[in-house]
Amino acid sequence: MTPILQRAVSKATWRLLPFLFVLYIAAYLDRINVSFAALGMNKDLGLDQAAYGFGAGIFFLGYVLLEVPSNLVLARVGARRWIARIMVSWGLVTMALAYAQGPVSFAALRFLLGACEAGFFPGIILYLTYWFPHASRARAVALFMTATPVAGLVGSPLSGWIMGLHGVWGHTGWQWLFLLEGLPAVLLGVAVWFTMPAGPAKAAWLTPDERQALAGALEAEGADAGPGRLHGVRQGLTSPVVWLFGFIYFCSVLAMYGLVMFLPQIVAQVTGGDALSVGFHVMVAYGFAAVGMVLIGASSDRFAERRWHVIGSMGLCLCGMVALSAATGLAGVLAGASLAAMGIWGVLGPFWGMATRCLGGAAAAAGIALINSLGNVGGFLGPYLMGWVKSNTGHYSEAFLYVAAVILLGMASALLVRQPRRNG
């Protein structure tokens, strides 16, 4: 990487990633705040653990159905317009969840929330390919996606505090949670419309030499038709490699949302504490997730290696899930959850660096969306599995072992990945 290209990438990192980071915090909070709302909402709406798990997970079915078309529209109309639309609509639906009346309306609004948010994450991943060459992409993705554990770090005690507003202006704590955490997405969506640059050519903060160096590096990668690299929408949707990546991601996402959608309830069950104290305990797992994500992503870029970083991270998750299945007290729960979270989030940077390396041109928009769609099927099944097992056995131990088995399948699948060779 030349000094000019290094400067351009550095400027893109500092100019873009902090803003994208904030956007993803809003997205992740609106996706998982239901896990804290459940501390009061389940009783008010008459939700048992299975109904809650179904409603929490059905978000991802709405997401999956519209994800590929949404990302193709984004590639056509531009990130600024489409991401602004996505954010405003999902913020409004999150606020509407405050007025759910029972299991049916709760599940319907969660499904609609997923449909509105569809395309946000793969759209941002696609957007990052417009700015970051492959050599620096895993770190960029990892820094962007660190927003999810940071959202947990900030959002856990914040959500606990908001739940304490119970009774203010005639609203319950969980209603305030949806109202106050949905509003920022609407405001940020408006900000996206006015501030997000389309690409390096439109970035006034890059010098002409920096624009040329960055555009040249990205064009050279885009033109690379080396062995194993995919181009075209059809290849992006039908290639066995894309479906293999989708299954690996499915395993990781199933573990992620199986854990985070129920961790507050598990901690509350162990400690008997109020929502605020539960929030501070849950922060611990998210703290380890953030550390693991940054360190593993940086290591993956440093050694220019993806596959074994993915497999090793999934191994950490596997150990954490097994530990959770045997945990009986708070220390055991937090230790297992922290280890699992470190592994789950550690997968993300090297995984997306590996997946996007195999996709070029129109295949990137279609393939990234398909991989994320397949992964988000796991986002539905993870919470549903946890809730179903808890309703039928009275505890979560078996559910964590089922999740561990799925992670083991993901590790075996990652062994099958072969990275494309560079030309020359």
Protein backbone atom coordinates (compact mmCIF):
# COMPACT_ATOMS: atom_id res chain seq x y z
CA MET A 1 0.00 0.00 0.00
CA THR A 2 1.50 3.35 -1.07
CA PRO A 3 1.75 6.30 1.36
CA ILE A 4 -0.94 8.19 -0.59
CA LEU A 5 -3.29 5.21 -0.46
CA GLN A 6 -2.57 4.77 3.26
CA ARG A 7 -3.54 8.42 3.86
CA ALA A 8 -6.74 7.99 1.88
CA VAL A 9 -7.72 4.86 3.82
CA SER A 10 -6.87 6.57 7.11
CA LYS A 11 -9.06 9.55 6.24
CA ALA A 12 -11.92 7.27 5.20
CA THR A 13 -11.57 5.40 8.49
CA TRP A 14 -11.85 8.53 10.61
CA ARG A 15 -14.44 10.31 8.47
CA LEU A 16 -16.84 7.45 7.83
CA LEU A 17 -16.56 4.78 10.49
CA PRO A 18 -17.54 6.89 13.53
CA PHE A 19 -20.80 7.94 11.82
CA LEU A 20 -21.54 4.43 10.52
CA PHE A 21 -20.71 3.17 14.01
CA VAL A 22 -23.43 5.37 15.52
CA LEU A 23 -25.93 4.22 12.90
CA TYR A 24 -25.28 0.58 13.74
CA ILE A 25 -25.61 1.26 17.47
CA ALA A 26 -29.11 2.59 16.77
CA ALA A 27 -29.88 -0.45 14.59
CA TYR A 28 -28.67 -2.97 17.13
CA LEU A 29 -30.44 -1.29 20.05
CA ASP A 30 -33.74 -1.35 18.18
CA ARG A 31 -33.14 -4.99 17.30
CA ILE A 32 -32.38 -6.27 20.82
CA ASN A 33 -34.13 -3.83 23.17
CA VAL A 34 -36.96 -6.36 23.21
CA SER A 35 -34.72 -8.54 25.43
CA PHE A 36 -34.97 -5.92 28.20
CA ALA A 37 -38.57 -5.00 27.41
CA ALA A 38 -39.41 -8.66 28.06
CA LEU A 39 -38.70 -8.15 31.78
CA GLY A 40 -42.07 -6.36 32.02
CA MET A 41 -43.69 -6.75 28.62
CA ASN A 42 -44.11 -10.53 28.68
CA LYS A 43 -46.46 -10.37 31.66
CA ASP A 44 -48.40 -7.35 30.32
CA LEU A 45 -48.95 -8.91 26.88
CA GLY A 46 -49.46 -12.47 28.09
CA LEU A 47 -46.34 -13.87 26.39
CA ASP A 48 -44.86 -17.18 27.54
CA GLN A 49 -41.23 -18.02 26.70
CA ALA A 50 -42.12 -19.72 23.41
CA ALA A 51 -44.32 -16.82 22.24
CA TYR A 52 -41.65 -14.32 23.24
CA GLY A 53 -38.93 -16.30 21.41
CA PHE A 54 -41.12 -16.49 18.30
CA GLY A 55 -41.86 -12.76 18.35
CA ALA A 56 -38.24 -11.83 19.03
CA GLY A 57 -37.04 -14.07 16.21
CA ILE A 58 -39.69 -13.30 13.58
CA PHE A 59 -37.94 -9.94 13.09
CA PHE A 60 -35.39 -11.88 11.07
CA LEU A 61 -37.94 -13.48 8.76
CA GLY A 62 -39.14 -10.04 7.70
CA TYR A 63 -35.52 -9.04 7.27
CA VAL A 64 -34.69 -12.10 5.17
CA LEU A 65 -37.63 -11.76 2.77
CA LEU A 66 -36.68 -8.24 1.67
CA GLU A 67 -32.91 -8.24 2.17
CA VAL A 68 -31.68 -9.18 -1.32
CA PRO A 69 -34.11 -6.86 -3.16
CA SER A 70 -33.29 -4.07 -0.71
CA ASN A 71 -29.55 -4.36 -1.33
CA LEU A 72 -30.06 -4.41 -5.10
CA VAL A 73 -32.15 -1.22 -4.81
CA LEU A 74 -29.38 0.35 -2.70
CA ALA A 75 -26.80 -0.46 -5.38
CA ARG A 76 -29.10 1.21 -7.92
CA VAL A 77 -30.25 4.37 -6.10
CA GLY A 78 -27.27 4.91 -3.78
CA ALA A 79 -26.50 4.36 -0.12
CA ARG A 80 -27.51 7.84 1.07
CA ARG A 81 -31.12 7.69 -0.08
CA TRP A 82 -31.82 4.07 0.73
CA ILE A 83 -30.20 3.92 4.16
CA ALA A 84 -32.01 7.12 5.14
CA ARG A 85 -35.32 5.46 4.15
CA ILE A 86 -34.45 2.29 6.04
CA MET A 87 -33.59 4.13 9.26
CA VAL A 88 -36.62 6.43 9.37
CA SER A 89 -39.05 3.55 8.73
CA TRP A 90 -37.55 1.17 11.29
CA GLY A 91 -37.42 3.93 13.92
CA LEU A 92 -41.14 4.59 13.49
CA VAL A 93 -42.01 0.88 13.75
CA THR A 94 -39.87 0.52 16.90
CA MET A 95 -41.86 3.34 18.48
CA ALA A 96 -45.10 1.64 17.41
CA LEU A 97 -44.07 -1.46 19.38
CA ALA A 98 -44.81 0.54 22.52
CA TYR A 99 -48.50 0.10 21.71
CA ALA A 100 -48.56 -3.66 21.02
CA GLN A 101 -51.65 -5.19 22.62
CA GLY A 102 -50.89 -8.91 22.72
CA PRO A 103 -48.92 -11.78 21.15
CA VAL A 104 -50.32 -11.24 17.63
CA SER A 105 -49.67 -7.49 17.39
CA PHE A 106 -46.25 -7.94 19.04
CA ALA A 107 -45.20 -10.57 16.48
CA ALA A 108 -46.67 -8.57 13.58
CA LEU A 109 -44.77 -5.42 14.53
CA ARG A 110 -41.53 -7.36 15.03
CA PHE A 111 -41.96 -8.84 11.55
CA LEU A 112 -42.61 -5.36 10.12
CA LEU A 113 -39.56 -4.01 11.93
CA GLY A 114 -37.39 -6.64 10.24
CA ALA A 115 -38.92 -5.82 6.84
CA CYS A 116 -38.18 -2.10 7.34
CA GLU A 117 -34.59 -2.70 8.48
CA ALA A 118 -33.89 -5.20 5.66
CA GLY A 119 -30.83 -4.18 3.70
CA PHE A 120 -29.25 -1.94 6.33
CA PHE A 121 -26.38 -4.20 7.38
CA PRO A 122 -25.52 -5.70 3.97
CA GLY A 123 -25.93 -2.21 2.51
CA ILE A 124 -23.29 -0.85 4.86
CA ILE A 125 -20.99 -3.81 4.14
CA LEU A 126 -21.42 -3.10 0.42
CA TYR A 127 -20.79 0.61 1.07
CA LEU A 128 -17.52 -0.23 2.84
CA THR A 129 -16.34 -2.08 -0.29
CA TYR A 130 -16.61 1.28 -2.09
CA TRP A 131 -14.05 2.78 0.30
CA PHE A 132 -11.72 0.13 1.72
CA PRO A 133 -9.39 -2.15 -0.30
CA HIS A 134 -9.33 -5.79 0.69
CA ALA A 135 -6.12 -5.45 2.75
CA SER A 136 -7.81 -3.06 5.20
CA ARG A 137 -11.41 -4.24 4.93
CA ALA A 138 -11.54 -6.77 7.79
CA ARG A 139 -10.35 -4.11 10.22
CA ALA A 140 -12.88 -1.59 8.84
CA VAL A 141 -15.70 -4.12 9.13
CA ALA A 142 -14.59 -5.08 12.65
CA LEU A 143 -14.47 -1.42 13.76
CA PHE A 144 -17.93 -0.80 12.27
CA MET A 145 -19.39 -3.93 13.82
CA THR A 146 -17.86 -3.14 17.21
CA ALA A 147 -20.95 -0.96 17.43
CA THR A 148 -22.98 -4.05 18.37
CA PRO A 149 -21.09 -4.91 21.57
CA VAL A 150 -20.78 -1.19 22.35
CA ALA A 151 -24.55 -0.92 21.90
CA GLY A 152 -24.83 -3.69 24.45
CA LEU A 153 -22.36 -1.96 26.78
CA VAL A 154 -24.23 1.35 26.61
CA GLY A 155 -27.70 0.01 25.92
CA SER A 156 -27.86 -2.54 28.73
CA PRO A 157 -27.72 -0.07 31.64
CA LEU A 158 -29.58 2.54 29.57
CA SER A 159 -32.40 0.10 28.88
CA GLY A 160 -32.46 -0.86 32.56
CA TRP A 161 -32.73 2.82 33.53
CA ILE A 162 -35.49 3.49 31.00
CA MET A 163 -37.43 0.52 32.35
CA GLY A 164 -37.43 2.43 35.64
CA LEU A 165 -39.64 5.13 34.06
CA HIS A 166 -42.63 2.86 34.67
CA GLY A 167 -45.77 4.92 35.27
CA VAL A 168 -44.49 8.22 33.85
CA TRP A 169 -47.25 9.86 31.78
CA GLY A 170 -49.26 6.66 32.00
CA HIS A 171 -46.71 4.52 30.14
CA THR A 172 -44.98 1.37 31.35
CA GLY A 173 -41.20 1.07 31.42
CA TRP A 174 -41.11 -1.17 28.36
CA GLN A 175 -43.25 1.28 26.40
CA TRP A 176 -40.80 4.08 27.20
CA LEU A 177 -37.98 1.77 26.09
CA PHE A 178 -39.40 1.41 22.58
CA LEU A 179 -40.32 5.09 22.30
CA LEU A 180 -37.00 6.51 23.47
CA GLU A 181 -34.79 4.04 21.62
CA GLY A 182 -36.76 4.26 18.35
CA LEU A 183 -36.60 8.05 18.04
CA PRO A 184 -32.80 8.29 17.43
CA ALA A 185 -33.08 6.09 14.33
CA VAL A 186 -35.55 8.55 12.78
CA LEU A 187 -33.28 11.52 13.50
CA LEU A 188 -30.16 9.71 12.27
CA GLY A 189 -31.97 8.72 9.07
CA VAL A 190 -32.53 12.40 8.32
CA ALA A 191 -28.83 13.05 9.02
CA VAL A 192 -27.81 10.30 6.57
CA TRP A 193 -29.78 11.99 3.79
CA PHE A 194 -27.73 15.18 4.16
CA THR A 195 -24.25 13.90 5.07
CA MET A 196 -23.35 10.46 3.60
CA PRO A 197 -20.96 10.71 0.60
CA ALA A 198 -21.64 8.33 -2.29
CA GLY A 199 -18.00 7.32 -2.78
CA PRO A 200 -14.40 8.57 -2.93
CA ALA A 201 -15.09 10.69 -6.05
CA LYS A 202 -17.62 12.73 -4.05
CA ALA A 203 -15.48 13.13 -0.90
CA ALA A 204 -14.33 16.74 -0.58
CA TRP A 205 -12.03 15.77 2.31
CA LEU A 206 -9.79 13.67 0.03
CA THR A 207 -7.13 15.36 -2.12
CA PRO A 208 -7.18 14.62 -5.86
CA ASP A 209 -4.14 12.32 -5.45
CA GLU A 210 -5.85 10.45 -2.62
CA ARG A 211 -9.05 10.06 -4.62
CA GLN A 212 -7.09 8.70 -7.56
CA ALA A 213 -5.06 6.28 -5.43
CA LEU A 214 -8.13 4.93 -3.61
CA ALA A 215 -10.24 4.68 -6.75
CA GLY A 216 -7.38 2.97 -8.60
CA ALA A 217 -6.89 0.36 -5.87
CA LEU A 218 -10.60 -0.42 -5.69
CA GLU A 219 -10.97 -0.57 -9.47
CA ALA A 220 -8.04 -2.97 -9.71
CA GLU A 221 -9.67 -5.27 -7.14
CA GLY A 222 -13.03 -4.97 -8.88
CA ALA A 223 -11.46 -5.93 -12.22
CA ASP A 224 -9.72 -8.95 -10.67
CA ALA A 225 -11.31 -11.96 -12.30
CA GLY A 226 -8.91 -14.42 -10.75
CA PRO A 227 -9.86 -18.01 -9.94
CA GLY A 228 -12.79 -18.24 -7.56
CA ARG A 229 -13.85 -14.58 -7.78
CA LEU A 230 -17.53 -14.09 -8.63
CA HIS A 231 -19.11 -11.39 -10.82
CA GLY A 232 -22.74 -10.84 -11.78
CA VAL A 233 -26.02 -11.07 -9.89
CA ARG A 234 -26.68 -14.64 -10.99
CA GLN A 235 -23.31 -15.87 -9.73
CA GLY A 236 -23.80 -13.97 -6.48
CA LEU A 237 -27.11 -15.77 -5.87
CA THR A 238 -26.34 -19.27 -7.12
CA SER A 239 -22.69 -19.98 -6.35
CA PRO A 240 -22.13 -22.83 -3.86
CA VAL A 241 -19.39 -20.69 -2.28
CA VAL A 242 -21.95 -18.00 -1.39
CA TRP A 243 -24.30 -20.58 0.11
CA LEU A 244 -21.39 -22.06 2.08
CA PHE A 245 -20.63 -18.63 3.51
CA GLY A 246 -24.34 -18.23 4.23
CA PHE A 247 -24.40 -21.43 6.28
CA ILE A 248 -21.31 -20.43 8.28
CA TYR A 249 -22.94 -17.08 9.01
CA PHE A 250 -26.22 -18.80 9.88
CA CYS A 251 -24.43 -20.75 12.61
CA SER A 252 -22.84 -17.60 14.07
CA VAL A 253 -26.02 -15.52 13.99
CA LEU A 254 -28.08 -18.32 15.55
CA ALA A 255 -25.65 -18.33 18.48
CA MET A 256 -25.56 -14.53 18.72
CA TYR A 257 -29.29 -13.96 19.00
CA GLY A 258 -29.98 -17.12 20.94
CA LEU A 259 -27.68 -15.65 23.58
CA VAL A 260 -28.50 -11.92 23.54
CA MET A 261 -32.30 -12.23 23.35
CA PHE A 262 -32.37 -14.25 26.57
CA LEU A 263 -29.29 -13.14 28.53
CA PRO A 264 -31.13 -10.40 30.50
CA GLN A 265 -33.82 -12.90 31.54
CA ILE A 266 -31.21 -15.50 32.50
CA VAL A 267 -29.31 -12.96 34.62
CA ALA A 268 -32.55 -11.74 36.24
CA GLN A 269 -33.46 -15.35 37.05
CA VAL A 270 -30.07 -15.97 38.70
CA THR A 271 -29.79 -12.69 40.61
CA GLY A 272 -33.40 -11.67 41.23
CA GLY A 273 -32.27 -8.07 40.63
CA ASP A 274 -34.12 -5.17 39.02
CA ALA A 275 -33.71 -4.15 35.36
CA LEU A 276 -30.91 -1.66 36.07
CA SER A 277 -28.76 -4.17 37.96
CA VAL A 278 -29.41 -6.74 35.23
CA GLY A 279 -28.22 -4.19 32.68
CA PHE A 280 -24.92 -3.66 34.47
CA HIS A 281 -24.30 -7.41 34.67
CA VAL A 282 -25.08 -7.94 30.98
CA MET A 283 -22.52 -5.22 30.16
CA VAL A 284 -19.74 -7.63 31.13
CA ALA A 285 -20.39 -9.98 28.21
CA TYR A 286 -20.60 -7.12 25.73
CA GLY A 287 -17.31 -5.73 27.04
CA PHE A 288 -15.54 -8.99 26.25
CA ALA A 289 -17.29 -9.07 22.85
CA ALA A 290 -15.89 -5.63 21.97
CA VAL A 291 -12.34 -6.56 23.00
CA GLY A 292 -12.44 -9.83 21.11
CA MET A 293 -13.86 -8.25 18.00
CA VAL A 294 -11.19 -5.55 17.73
CA LEU A 295 -8.25 -7.80 18.60
CA ILE A 296 -9.29 -10.68 16.34
CA GLY A 297 -10.11 -8.35 13.44
CA ALA A 298 -6.74 -6.60 13.78
CA SER A 299 -4.93 -9.94 13.96
CA SER A 300 -6.74 -11.14 10.84
CA ASP A 301 -5.57 -8.10 8.87
CA ARG A 302 -2.06 -8.22 10.31
CA PHE A 303 -1.49 -11.81 9.19
CA ALA A 304 -3.69 -11.48 6.07
CA GLU A 305 -5.52 -14.62 7.20
CA ARG A 306 -9.27 -15.12 7.51
CA ARG A 307 -10.35 -18.75 7.70
CA TRP A 308 -8.47 -19.84 10.83
CA HIS A 309 -9.45 -16.66 12.63
CA VAL A 310 -13.09 -17.53 11.88
CA ILE A 311 -12.65 -21.13 13.06
CA GLY A 312 -10.77 -20.10 16.21
CA SER A 313 -13.41 -17.51 17.10
CA MET A 314 -16.18 -20.07 16.66
CA GLY A 315 -14.19 -22.39 18.94
CA LEU A 316 -14.30 -19.73 21.68
CA CYS A 317 -18.07 -19.49 21.19
CA LEU A 318 -18.40 -23.27 21.41
CA CYS A 319 -16.55 -23.33 24.75
CA GLY A 320 -18.71 -20.49 26.09
CA MET A 321 -21.96 -22.24 25.15
CA VAL A 322 -20.85 -25.47 26.84
CA ALA A 323 -19.92 -23.47 29.94
CA LEU A 324 -23.33 -21.77 29.94
CA SER A 325 -25.08 -25.14 29.78
CA ALA A 326 -23.42 -26.10 33.08
CA ALA A 327 -23.56 -22.69 34.81
CA THR A 328 -25.62 -22.42 38.00
CA GLY A 329 -24.61 -19.06 39.47
CA LEU A 330 -23.97 -15.51 38.28
CA ALA A 331 -20.20 -15.99 37.93
CA GLY A 332 -20.65 -19.04 35.73
CA VAL A 333 -23.29 -17.37 33.59
CA LEU A 334 -21.17 -14.25 33.02
CA ALA A 335 -18.00 -16.28 32.33
CA GLY A 336 -19.75 -18.49 29.77
CA ALA A 337 -21.60 -15.57 28.17
CA SER A 338 -18.40 -13.49 27.96
CA LEU A 339 -16.43 -16.29 26.31
CA ALA A 340 -19.27 -17.02 23.88
CA ALA A 341 -19.72 -13.32 23.05
CA MET A 342 -15.98 -12.84 22.46
CA GLY A 343 -16.06 -15.70 19.96
CA ILE A 344 -19.31 -14.70 18.24
CA TRP A 345 -18.22 -11.11 17.65
CA GLY A 346 -14.65 -12.16 16.87
CA VAL A 347 -15.96 -14.09 13.85
CA LEU A 348 -17.45 -11.04 12.14
CA GLY A 349 -14.44 -9.04 10.91
CA PRO A 350 -12.47 -11.91 9.35
CA PHE A 351 -15.66 -13.56 8.09
CA TRP A 352 -16.78 -10.53 6.07
CA GLY A 353 -13.22 -9.89 4.91
CA MET A 354 -13.15 -13.47 3.61
CA ALA A 355 -16.63 -13.37 2.04
CA THR A 356 -16.25 -10.03 0.24
CA ARG A 357 -12.88 -11.12 -1.19
CA CYS A 358 -14.76 -13.72 -3.25
CA LEU A 359 -17.33 -11.27 -4.64
CA GLY A 360 -16.94 -8.56 -7.25
CA GLY A 361 -19.18 -6.29 -9.29
CA ALA A 362 -22.92 -6.99 -9.14
CA ALA A 363 -22.21 -10.27 -7.34
CA ALA A 364 -21.18 -8.25 -4.29
CA ALA A 365 -24.59 -6.58 -3.84
CA ALA A 366 -26.50 -9.82 -4.38
CA GLY A 367 -24.08 -12.16 -2.63
CA ILE A 368 -23.60 -10.05 0.51
CA ALA A 369 -27.36 -9.72 0.88
CA LEU A 370 -27.91 -13.45 0.36
CA ILE A 371 -25.23 -14.40 2.90
CA ASN A 372 -26.75 -12.04 5.44
CA SER A 373 -30.26 -13.35 4.65
CA LEU A 374 -29.19 -16.94 5.26
CA GLY A 375 -27.48 -15.84 8.44
CA ASN A 376 -30.58 -14.08 9.66
CA VAL A 377 -32.60 -17.27 9.38
CA GLY A 378 -30.40 -18.21 12.33
CA GLY A 379 -31.53 -14.97 13.97
CA PHE A 380 -35.07 -16.36 13.92
CA LEU A 381 -34.23 -19.93 14.92
CA GLY A 382 -31.85 -19.00 17.77
CA PRO A 383 -34.40 -17.16 19.95
CA TYR A 384 -37.17 -19.57 18.96
CA LEU A 385 -35.03 -22.56 19.97
CA MET A 386 -34.13 -20.98 23.31
CA GLY A 387 -37.75 -20.12 24.10
CA TRP A 388 -39.10 -23.49 23.00
CA VAL A 389 -36.56 -25.46 25.07
CA LYS A 390 -37.18 -23.27 28.13
CA SER A 391 -40.96 -23.70 27.83
CA ASN A 392 -40.67 -27.49 27.49
CA THR A 393 -37.87 -28.26 29.97
CA GLY A 394 -38.00 -25.38 32.43
CA HIS A 395 -34.32 -24.46 31.91
CA TYR A 396 -31.86 -23.33 29.22
CA SER A 397 -29.10 -25.94 29.59
CA GLU A 398 -30.14 -28.16 26.68
CA ALA A 399 -30.68 -25.15 24.43
CA PHE A 400 -27.07 -24.01 24.90
CA LEU A 401 -25.85 -27.50 23.99
CA TYR A 402 -27.94 -27.43 20.80
CA VAL A 403 -26.39 -24.05 19.95
CA ALA A 404 -22.92 -25.49 20.62
CA ALA A 405 -23.64 -28.31 18.16
CA VAL A 406 -24.64 -25.79 15.49
CA ILE A 407 -21.40 -23.86 16.06
CA LEU A 408 -19.45 -27.09 15.61
CA LEU A 409 -21.13 -27.55 12.22
CA GLY A 410 -20.13 -23.99 11.32
CA MET A 411 -16.50 -24.69 12.20
CA ALA A 412 -16.50 -27.81 10.02
CA SER A 413 -18.02 -25.82 7.14
CA ALA A 414 -15.39 -23.09 7.44
CA LEU A 415 -12.72 -25.73 6.83
CA LEU A 416 -14.18 -26.13 3.32
CA VAL A 417 -13.61 -22.50 2.34
CA ARG A 418 -10.94 -21.87 -0.27
CA GLN A 419 -9.92 -18.26 -0.88
CA PRO A 420 -9.47 -17.00 -4.46
CA ARG A 421 -5.91 -16.39 -5.60
CA ARG A 422 -4.80 -12.94 -6.68
CA ASN A 423 -3.73 -12.46 -10.27
CA GLY A 424 -0.08 -11.80 -10.86
